[in-house]
Amino acid sequence: MQPEERINAIREKLEQDFHPDILEIEDQSHEHAGHKGADGKGHFSLIIEAKSLEDLSLLQKHQAIYKSLDDLLQTEIHALSIKV
């Protein structure tokens, strides 16, 4: 999958699951070129604000986001920085 396709796939999953008011996704893969263990997967930074996440603890928010992106974490995402 190409970098823009990865971002679109991440965006699609998060919008579908959380209907965020704010969603920013940055591909930071270029900063980690040659990173051991990445195996061609990407590094991403994510900022998300959604009413559906408001009543969750920080840990629960992260768990919900990881659950939403589970398929992509297995195949396309090596590292994910999350700010909620």
PDB file of N, CA and C in Angstrom:
ATOM      1  N   MET A   1       0.853  -1.176   0.000  1.00  0.00           N
ATOM      2  CA  MET A   1       0.000   0.000   0.000  1.00  0.00           C
ATOM      3  C   MET A   1       0.902   1.243   0.000  1.00  0.00           C
ATOM      4  N   GLN A   2       0.545   2.209  -0.784  1.00  0.00           N
ATOM      5  CA  GLN A   2       1.289   3.463  -0.859  1.00  0.00           C
ATOM      6  C   GLN A   2       0.970   4.346   0.355  1.00  0.00           C
ATOM      7  N   PRO A   3       1.870   5.281   0.703  1.00  0.00           N
ATOM      8  CA  PRO A   3       1.659   6.122   1.896  1.00  0.00           C
ATOM      9  C   PRO A   3       0.300   6.827   1.924  1.00  0.00           C
ATOM     10  N   GLU A   4      -0.119   7.413   0.814  1.00  0.00           N
ATOM     11  CA  GLU A   4      -1.404   8.117   0.788  1.00  0.00           C
ATOM     12  C   GLU A   4      -2.569   7.141   0.979  1.00  0.00           C
ATOM     13  N   GLU A   5      -2.424   5.940   0.459  1.00  0.00           N
ATOM     14  CA  GLU A   5      -3.458   4.913   0.651  1.00  0.00           C
ATOM     15  C   GLU A   5      -3.547   4.507   2.120  1.00  0.00           C
ATOM     16  N   ARG A   6      -2.408   4.440   2.786  1.00  0.00           N
ATOM     17  CA  ARG A   6      -2.402   4.106   4.218  1.00  0.00           C
ATOM     18  C   ARG A   6      -3.139   5.170   5.018  1.00  0.00           C
ATOM     19  N   ILE A   7      -2.840   6.424   4.744  1.00  0.00           N
ATOM     20  CA  ILE A   7      -3.509   7.522   5.453  1.00  0.00           C
ATOM     21  C   ILE A   7      -5.008   7.466   5.198  1.00  0.00           C
ATOM     22  N   ASN A   8      -5.402   7.249   3.953  1.00  0.00           N
ATOM     23  CA  ASN A   8      -6.825   7.169   3.626  1.00  0.00           C
ATOM     24  C   ASN A   8      -7.497   6.006   4.341  1.00  0.00           C
ATOM     25  N   ALA A   9      -6.818   4.874   4.433  1.00  0.00           N
ATOM     26  CA  ALA A   9      -7.379   3.707   5.115  1.00  0.00           C
ATOM     27  C   ALA A   9      -7.532   3.978   6.611  1.00  0.00           C
ATOM     28  N   ILE A  10      -6.535   4.615   7.211  1.00  0.00           N
ATOM     29  CA  ILE A  10      -6.603   4.983   8.630  1.00  0.00           C
ATOM     30  C   ILE A  10      -7.762   5.943   8.853  1.00  0.00           C
ATOM     31  N   ARG A  11      -7.836   6.975   8.020  1.00  0.00           N
ATOM     32  CA  ARG A  11      -8.897   7.984   8.132  1.00  0.00           C
ATOM     33  C   ARG A  11     -10.278   7.330   8.016  1.00  0.00           C
ATOM     34  N   GLU A  12     -10.437   6.468   7.031  1.00  0.00           N
ATOM     35  CA  GLU A  12     -11.723   5.816   6.797  1.00  0.00           C
ATOM     36  C   GLU A  12     -12.175   5.009   8.021  1.00  0.00           C
ATOM     37  N   LYS A  13     -11.273   4.216   8.586  1.00  0.00           N
ATOM     38  CA  LYS A  13     -11.616   3.398   9.763  1.00  0.00           C
ATOM     39  C   LYS A  13     -11.994   4.275  10.953  1.00  0.00           C
ATOM     40  N   LEU A  14     -11.190   5.311  11.222  1.00  0.00           N
ATOM     41  CA  LEU A  14     -11.441   6.156  12.385  1.00  0.00           C
ATOM     42  C   LEU A  14     -12.704   6.989  12.217  1.00  0.00           C
ATOM     43  N   GLU A  15     -12.956   7.482  11.021  1.00  0.00           N
ATOM     44  CA  GLU A  15     -14.187   8.242  10.786  1.00  0.00           C
ATOM     45  C   GLU A  15     -15.408   7.345  10.936  1.00  0.00           C
ATOM     46  N   GLN A  16     -15.327   6.135  10.438  1.00  0.00           N
ATOM     47  CA  GLN A  16     -16.425   5.182  10.529  1.00  0.00           C
ATOM     48  C   GLN A  16     -16.720   4.819  11.987  1.00  0.00           C
ATOM     49  N   ASP A  17     -15.685   4.592  12.773  1.00  0.00           N
ATOM     50  CA  ASP A  17     -15.871   4.122  14.146  1.00  0.00           C
ATOM     51  C   ASP A  17     -16.124   5.234  15.171  1.00  0.00           C
ATOM     52  N   PHE A  18     -15.582   6.434  14.932  1.00  0.00           N
ATOM     53  CA  PHE A  18     -15.648   7.467  15.968  1.00  0.00           C
ATOM     54  C   PHE A  18     -16.307   8.777  15.543  1.00  0.00           C
ATOM     55  N   HIS A  19     -16.500   9.012  14.271  1.00  0.00           N
ATOM     56  CA  HIS A  19     -17.081  10.269  13.775  1.00  0.00           C
ATOM     57  C   HIS A  19     -16.403  11.477  14.437  1.00  0.00           C
ATOM     58  N   PRO A  20     -15.088  11.590  14.277  1.00  0.00           N
ATOM     59  CA  PRO A  20     -14.334  12.616  15.011  1.00  0.00           C
ATOM     60  C   PRO A  20     -14.644  14.047  14.562  1.00  0.00           C
ATOM     61  N   ASP A  21     -14.525  14.956  15.526  1.00  0.00           N
ATOM     62  CA  ASP A  21     -14.621  16.385  15.239  1.00  0.00           C
ATOM     63  C   ASP A  21     -13.286  16.875  14.683  1.00  0.00           C
ATOM     64  N   ILE A  22     -12.209  16.307  15.188  1.00  0.00           N
ATOM     65  CA  ILE A  22     -10.856  16.631  14.722  1.00  0.00           C
ATOM     66  C   ILE A  22     -10.145  15.323  14.428  1.00  0.00           C
ATOM     67  N   LEU A  23      -9.524  15.247  13.264  1.00  0.00           N
ATOM     68  CA  LEU A  23      -8.746  14.077  12.899  1.00  0.00           C
ATOM     69  C   LEU A  23      -7.586  14.522  12.020  1.00  0.00           C
ATOM     70  N   GLU A  24      -6.386  14.395  12.564  1.00  0.00           N
ATOM     71  CA  GLU A  24      -5.174  14.738  11.821  1.00  0.00           C
ATOM     72  C   GLU A  24      -4.262  13.518  11.814  1.00  0.00           C
ATOM     73  N   ILE A  25      -3.818  13.149  10.638  1.00  0.00           N
ATOM     74  CA  ILE A  25      -2.941  11.994  10.492  1.00  0.00           C
ATOM     75  C   ILE A  25      -1.711  12.443   9.721  1.00  0.00           C
ATOM     76  N   GLU A  26      -0.558  12.194  10.283  1.00  0.00           N
ATOM     77  CA  GLU A  26       0.698  12.570   9.632  1.00  0.00           C
ATOM     78  C   GLU A  26       1.550  11.328   9.429  1.00  0.00           C
ATOM     79  N   ASP A  27       1.995  11.143   8.207  1.00  0.00           N
ATOM     80  CA  ASP A  27       2.907  10.045   7.897  1.00  0.00           C
ATOM     81  C   ASP A  27       4.315  10.498   8.244  1.00  0.00           C
ATOM     82  N   GLN A  28       4.931   9.848   9.211  1.00  0.00           N
ATOM     83  CA  GLN A  28       6.284  10.194   9.644  1.00  0.00           C
ATOM     84  C   GLN A  28       7.287   9.126   9.236  1.00  0.00           C
ATOM     85  N   SER A  29       6.909   8.301   8.287  1.00  0.00           N
ATOM     86  CA  SER A  29       7.757   7.185   7.861  1.00  0.00           C
ATOM     87  C   SER A  29       9.122   7.642   7.368  1.00  0.00           C
ATOM     88  N   HIS A  30       9.159   8.795   6.697  1.00  0.00           N
ATOM     89  CA  HIS A  30      10.424   9.296   6.158  1.00  0.00           C
ATOM     90  C   HIS A  30      11.448   9.571   7.264  1.00  0.00           C
ATOM     91  N   GLU A  31      10.956   9.837   8.469  1.00  0.00           N
ATOM     92  CA  GLU A  31      11.858  10.100   9.595  1.00  0.00           C
ATOM     93  C   GLU A  31      12.447   8.810  10.158  1.00  0.00           C
ATOM     94  N   HIS A  32      11.923   7.679   9.714  1.00  0.00           N
ATOM     95  CA  HIS A  32      12.335   6.388  10.261  1.00  0.00           C
ATOM     96  C   HIS A  32      12.822   5.441   9.174  1.00  0.00           C
ATOM     97  N   ALA A  33      13.282   6.002   8.071  1.00  0.00           N
ATOM     98  CA  ALA A  33      13.750   5.177   6.955  1.00  0.00           C
ATOM     99  C   ALA A  33      14.813   4.195   7.436  1.00  0.00           C
ATOM    100  N   GLY A  34      14.647   2.946   7.065  1.00  0.00           N
ATOM    101  CA  GLY A  34      15.602   1.919   7.444  1.00  0.00           C
ATOM    102  C   GLY A  34      15.443   1.399   8.860  1.00  0.00           C
ATOM    103  N   HIS A  35      14.385   1.825   9.538  1.00  0.00           N
ATOM    104  CA  HIS A  35      14.135   1.402  10.919  1.00  0.00           C
ATOM    105  C   HIS A  35      13.993  -0.117  10.969  1.00  0.00           C
ATOM    106  N   LYS A  36      14.824  -0.735  11.752  1.00  0.00           N
ATOM    107  CA  LYS A  36      14.818  -2.189  11.884  1.00  0.00           C
ATOM    108  C   LYS A  36      13.456  -2.673  12.369  1.00  0.00           C
ATOM    109  N   GLY A  37      12.925  -3.674  11.707  1.00  0.00           N
ATOM    110  CA  GLY A  37      11.670  -4.272  12.104  1.00  0.00           C
ATOM    111  C   GLY A  37      10.439  -3.656  11.475  1.00  0.00           C
ATOM    112  N   ALA A  38      10.576  -2.543  10.773  1.00  0.00           N
ATOM    113  CA  ALA A  38       9.414  -1.892  10.167  1.00  0.00           C
ATOM    114  C   ALA A  38       8.861  -2.705   9.001  1.00  0.00           C
ATOM    115  N   ASP A  39       9.715  -3.431   8.306  1.00  0.00           N
ATOM    116  CA  ASP A  39       9.289  -4.300   7.205  1.00  0.00           C
ATOM    117  C   ASP A  39       8.375  -3.606   6.208  1.00  0.00           C
ATOM    118  N   GLY A  40       8.675  -2.360   5.874  1.00  0.00           N
ATOM    119  CA  GLY A  40       7.900  -1.628   4.882  1.00  0.00           C
ATOM    120  C   GLY A  40       6.622  -1.006   5.403  1.00  0.00           C
ATOM    121  N   LYS A  41       6.328  -1.179   6.681  1.00  0.00           N
ATOM    122  CA  LYS A  41       5.141  -0.571   7.276  1.00  0.00           C
ATOM    123  C   LYS A  41       5.446   0.881   7.634  1.00  0.00           C
ATOM    124  N   GLY A  42       4.408   1.668   7.882  1.00  0.00           N
ATOM    125  CA  GLY A  42       4.586   3.088   8.126  1.00  0.00           C
ATOM    126  C   GLY A  42       4.558   3.489   9.581  1.00  0.00           C
ATOM    127  N   HIS A  43       5.096   4.690   9.832  1.00  0.00           N
ATOM    128  CA  HIS A  43       5.066   5.351  11.135  1.00  0.00           C
ATOM    129  C   HIS A  43       4.101   6.530  11.019  1.00  0.00           C
ATOM    130  N   PHE A  44       3.162   6.636  11.942  1.00  0.00           N
ATOM    131  CA  PHE A  44       2.143   7.675  11.843  1.00  0.00           C
ATOM    132  C   PHE A  44       1.931   8.375  13.180  1.00  0.00           C
ATOM    133  N   SER A  45       1.555   9.642  13.080  1.00  0.00           N
ATOM    134  CA  SER A  45       1.158  10.438  14.227  1.00  0.00           C
ATOM    135  C   SER A  45      -0.316  10.769  14.031  1.00  0.00           C
ATOM    136  N   LEU A  46      -1.097  10.644  15.101  1.00  0.00           N
ATOM    137  CA  LEU A  46      -2.537  10.798  15.017  1.00  0.00           C
ATOM    138  C   LEU A  46      -3.024  11.734  16.109  1.00  0.00           C
ATOM    139  N   ILE A  47      -3.844  12.694  15.725  1.00  0.00           N
ATOM    140  CA  ILE A  47      -4.561  13.546  16.674  1.00  0.00           C
ATOM    141  C   ILE A  47      -6.040  13.321  16.397  1.00  0.00           C
ATOM    142  N   ILE A  48      -6.775  12.954  17.433  1.00  0.00           N
ATOM    143  CA  ILE A  48      -8.202  12.695  17.260  1.00  0.00           C
ATOM    144  C   ILE A  48      -8.981  13.226  18.449  1.00  0.00           C
ATOM    145  N   GLU A  49     -10.088  13.892  18.148  1.00  0.00           N
ATOM    146  CA  GLU A  49     -11.043  14.318  19.168  1.00  0.00           C
ATOM    147  C   GLU A  49     -12.412  13.894  18.668  1.00  0.00           C
ATOM    148  N   ALA A  50     -13.122  13.153  19.515  1.00  0.00           N
ATOM    149  CA  ALA A  50     -14.447  12.664  19.140  1.00  0.00           C
ATOM    150  C   ALA A  50     -15.323  12.560  20.375  1.00  0.00           C
ATOM    151  N   LYS A  51     -16.567  12.932  20.227  1.00  0.00           N
ATOM    152  CA  LYS A  51     -17.510  12.829  21.341  1.00  0.00           C
ATOM    153  C   LYS A  51     -17.621  11.385  21.827  1.00  0.00           C
ATOM    154  N   SER A  52     -17.503  10.445  20.909  1.00  0.00           N
ATOM    155  CA  SER A  52     -17.640   9.034  21.274  1.00  0.00           C
ATOM    156  C   SER A  52     -16.490   8.537  22.151  1.00  0.00           C
ATOM    157  N   LEU A  53     -15.420   9.310  22.250  1.00  0.00           N
ATOM    158  CA  LEU A  53     -14.282   8.934  23.089  1.00  0.00           C
ATOM    159  C   LEU A  53     -14.239   9.716  24.404  1.00  0.00           C
ATOM    160  N   GLU A  54     -15.085  10.719  24.534  1.00  0.00           N
ATOM    161  CA  GLU A  54     -15.012  11.649  25.668  1.00  0.00           C
ATOM    162  C   GLU A  54     -15.088  10.992  27.041  1.00  0.00           C
ATOM    163  N   ASP A  55     -15.946  10.022  27.213  1.00  0.00           N
ATOM    164  CA  ASP A  55     -16.168   9.444  28.545  1.00  0.00           C
ATOM    165  C   ASP A  55     -15.222   8.295  28.872  1.00  0.00           C
ATOM    166  N   LEU A  56     -14.256   8.049  28.003  1.00  0.00           N
ATOM    167  CA  LEU A  56     -13.302   6.965  28.220  1.00  0.00           C
ATOM    168  C   LEU A  56     -12.032   7.483  28.875  1.00  0.00           C
ATOM    169  N   SER A  57     -11.376   6.622  29.638  1.00  0.00           N
ATOM    170  CA  SER A  57     -10.068   6.981  30.192  1.00  0.00           C
ATOM    171  C   SER A  57      -9.068   7.028  29.036  1.00  0.00           C
ATOM    172  N   LEU A  58      -7.913   7.571  29.293  1.00  0.00           N
ATOM    173  CA  LEU A  58      -6.876   7.646  28.264  1.00  0.00           C
ATOM    174  C   LEU A  58      -6.540   6.246  27.743  1.00  0.00           C
ATOM    175  N   LEU A  59      -6.387   5.299  28.648  1.00  0.00           N
ATOM    176  CA  LEU A  59      -6.093   3.925  28.252  1.00  0.00           C
ATOM    177  C   LEU A  59      -7.218   3.355  27.388  1.00  0.00           C
ATOM    178  N   GLN A  60      -8.452   3.567  27.772  1.00  0.00           N
ATOM    179  CA  GLN A  60      -9.584   3.059  26.997  1.00  0.00           C
ATOM    180  C   GLN A  60      -9.658   3.703  25.610  1.00  0.00           C
ATOM    181  N   LYS A  61      -9.324   4.984  25.534  1.00  0.00           N
ATOM    182  CA  LYS A  61      -9.297   5.669  24.229  1.00  0.00           C
ATOM    183  C   LYS A  61      -8.266   5.017  23.311  1.00  0.00           C
ATOM    184  N   HIS A  62      -7.085   4.801  23.841  1.00  0.00           N
ATOM    185  CA  HIS A  62      -6.024   4.176  23.046  1.00  0.00           C
ATOM    186  C   HIS A  62      -6.426   2.755  22.635  1.00  0.00           C
ATOM    187  N   GLN A  63      -7.014   2.024  23.556  1.00  0.00           N
ATOM    188  CA  GLN A  63      -7.446   0.663  23.244  1.00  0.00           C
ATOM    189  C   GLN A  63      -8.501   0.661  22.141  1.00  0.00           C
ATOM    190  N   ALA A  64      -9.437   1.591  22.194  1.00  0.00           N
ATOM    191  CA  ALA A  64     -10.487   1.677  21.175  1.00  0.00           C
ATOM    192  C   ALA A  64      -9.894   2.010  19.806  1.00  0.00           C
ATOM    193  N   ILE A  65      -8.917   2.908  19.791  1.00  0.00           N
ATOM    194  CA  ILE A  65      -8.268   3.286  18.528  1.00  0.00           C
ATOM    195  C   ILE A  65      -7.477   2.111  17.972  1.00  0.00           C
ATOM    196  N   TYR A  66      -6.731   1.425  18.829  1.00  0.00           N
ATOM    197  CA  TYR A  66      -5.982   0.249  18.375  1.00  0.00           C
ATOM    198  C   TYR A  66      -6.922  -0.839  17.862  1.00  0.00           C
ATOM    199  N   LYS A  67      -8.053  -1.014  18.519  1.00  0.00           N
ATOM    200  CA  LYS A  67      -9.027  -2.012  18.055  1.00  0.00           C
ATOM    201  C   LYS A  67      -9.568  -1.627  16.679  1.00  0.00           C
ATOM    202  N   SER A  68      -9.867  -0.355  16.500  1.00  0.00           N
ATOM    203  CA  SER A  68     -10.375   0.134  15.222  1.00  0.00           C
ATOM    204  C   SER A  68      -9.378  -0.113  14.091  1.00  0.00           C
ATOM    205  N   LEU A  69      -8.109   0.064  14.398  1.00  0.00           N
ATOM    206  CA  LEU A  69      -7.058  -0.034  13.374  1.00  0.00           C
ATOM    207  C   LEU A  69      -6.363  -1.392  13.358  1.00  0.00           C
ATOM    208  N   ASP A  70      -6.920  -2.383  14.044  1.00  0.00           N
ATOM    209  CA  ASP A  70      -6.250  -3.671  14.211  1.00  0.00           C
ATOM    210  C   ASP A  70      -5.746  -4.273  12.897  1.00  0.00           C
ATOM    211  N   ASP A  71      -6.578  -4.342  11.884  1.00  0.00           N
ATOM    212  CA  ASP A  71      -6.158  -4.928  10.604  1.00  0.00           C
ATOM    213  C   ASP A  71      -4.961  -4.177  10.016  1.00  0.00           C
ATOM    214  N   LEU A  72      -5.011  -2.847  10.085  1.00  0.00           N
ATOM    215  CA  LEU A  72      -3.917  -2.043   9.537  1.00  0.00           C
ATOM    216  C   LEU A  72      -2.655  -2.156  10.386  1.00  0.00           C
ATOM    217  N   LEU A  73      -2.819  -2.331  11.680  1.00  0.00           N
ATOM    218  CA  LEU A  73      -1.656  -2.513  12.547  1.00  0.00           C
ATOM    219  C   LEU A  73      -0.937  -3.820  12.218  1.00  0.00           C
ATOM    220  N   GLN A  74      -1.665  -4.785  11.743  1.00  0.00           N
ATOM    221  CA  GLN A  74      -1.066  -6.065  11.369  1.00  0.00           C
ATOM    222  C   GLN A  74      -0.314  -5.989  10.042  1.00  0.00           C
ATOM    223  N   THR A  75      -0.771  -5.094   9.155  1.00  0.00           N
ATOM    224  CA  THR A  75      -0.239  -5.105   7.791  1.00  0.00           C
ATOM    225  C   THR A  75       0.435  -3.820   7.327  1.00  0.00           C
ATOM    226  N   GLU A  76       0.006  -2.658   7.829  1.00  0.00           N
ATOM    227  CA  GLU A  76       0.448  -1.385   7.252  1.00  0.00           C
ATOM    228  C   GLU A  76       1.077  -0.402   8.233  1.00  0.00           C
ATOM    229  N   ILE A  77       0.805  -0.553   9.513  1.00  0.00           N
ATOM    230  CA  ILE A  77       1.283   0.408  10.516  1.00  0.00           C
ATOM    231  C   ILE A  77       2.316  -0.269  11.406  1.00  0.00           C
ATOM    232  N   HIS A  78       3.516   0.313  11.441  1.00  0.00           N
ATOM    233  CA  HIS A  78       4.580  -0.199  12.328  1.00  0.00           C
ATOM    234  C   HIS A  78       4.524   0.532  13.667  1.00  0.00           C
ATOM    235  N   ALA A  79       4.309   1.849  13.627  1.00  0.00           N
ATOM    236  CA  ALA A  79       4.302   2.655  14.846  1.00  0.00           C
ATOM    237  C   ALA A  79       3.212   3.713  14.734  1.00  0.00           C
ATOM    238  N   LEU A  80       2.562   3.983  15.872  1.00  0.00           N
ATOM    239  CA  LEU A  80       1.464   4.938  15.898  1.00  0.00           C
ATOM    240  C   LEU A  80       1.560   5.774  17.165  1.00  0.00           C
ATOM    241  N   SER A  81       1.693   7.082  16.988  1.00  0.00           N
ATOM    242  CA  SER A  81       1.676   8.029  18.100  1.00  0.00           C
ATOM    243  C   SER A  81       0.269   8.610  18.155  1.00  0.00           C
ATOM    244  N   ILE A  82      -0.362   8.559  19.326  1.00  0.00           N
ATOM    245  CA  ILE A  82      -1.748   9.005  19.449  1.00  0.00           C
ATOM    246  C   ILE A  82      -1.853  10.148  20.456  1.00  0.00           C
ATOM    247  N   LYS A  83      -2.543  11.214  20.051  1.00  0.00           N
ATOM    248  CA  LYS A  83      -2.892  12.309  20.955  1.00  0.00           C
ATOM    249  C   LYS A  83      -4.399  12.443  20.903  1.00  0.00           C
ATOM    250  N   VAL A  84      -5.031  12.355  22.091  1.00  0.00           N
ATOM    251  CA  VAL A  84      -6.493  12.450  22.165  1.00  0.00           C
ATOM    252  C   VAL A  84      -6.910  13.614  23.027  1.00  0.00           C
TER     253      VAL A  84
END
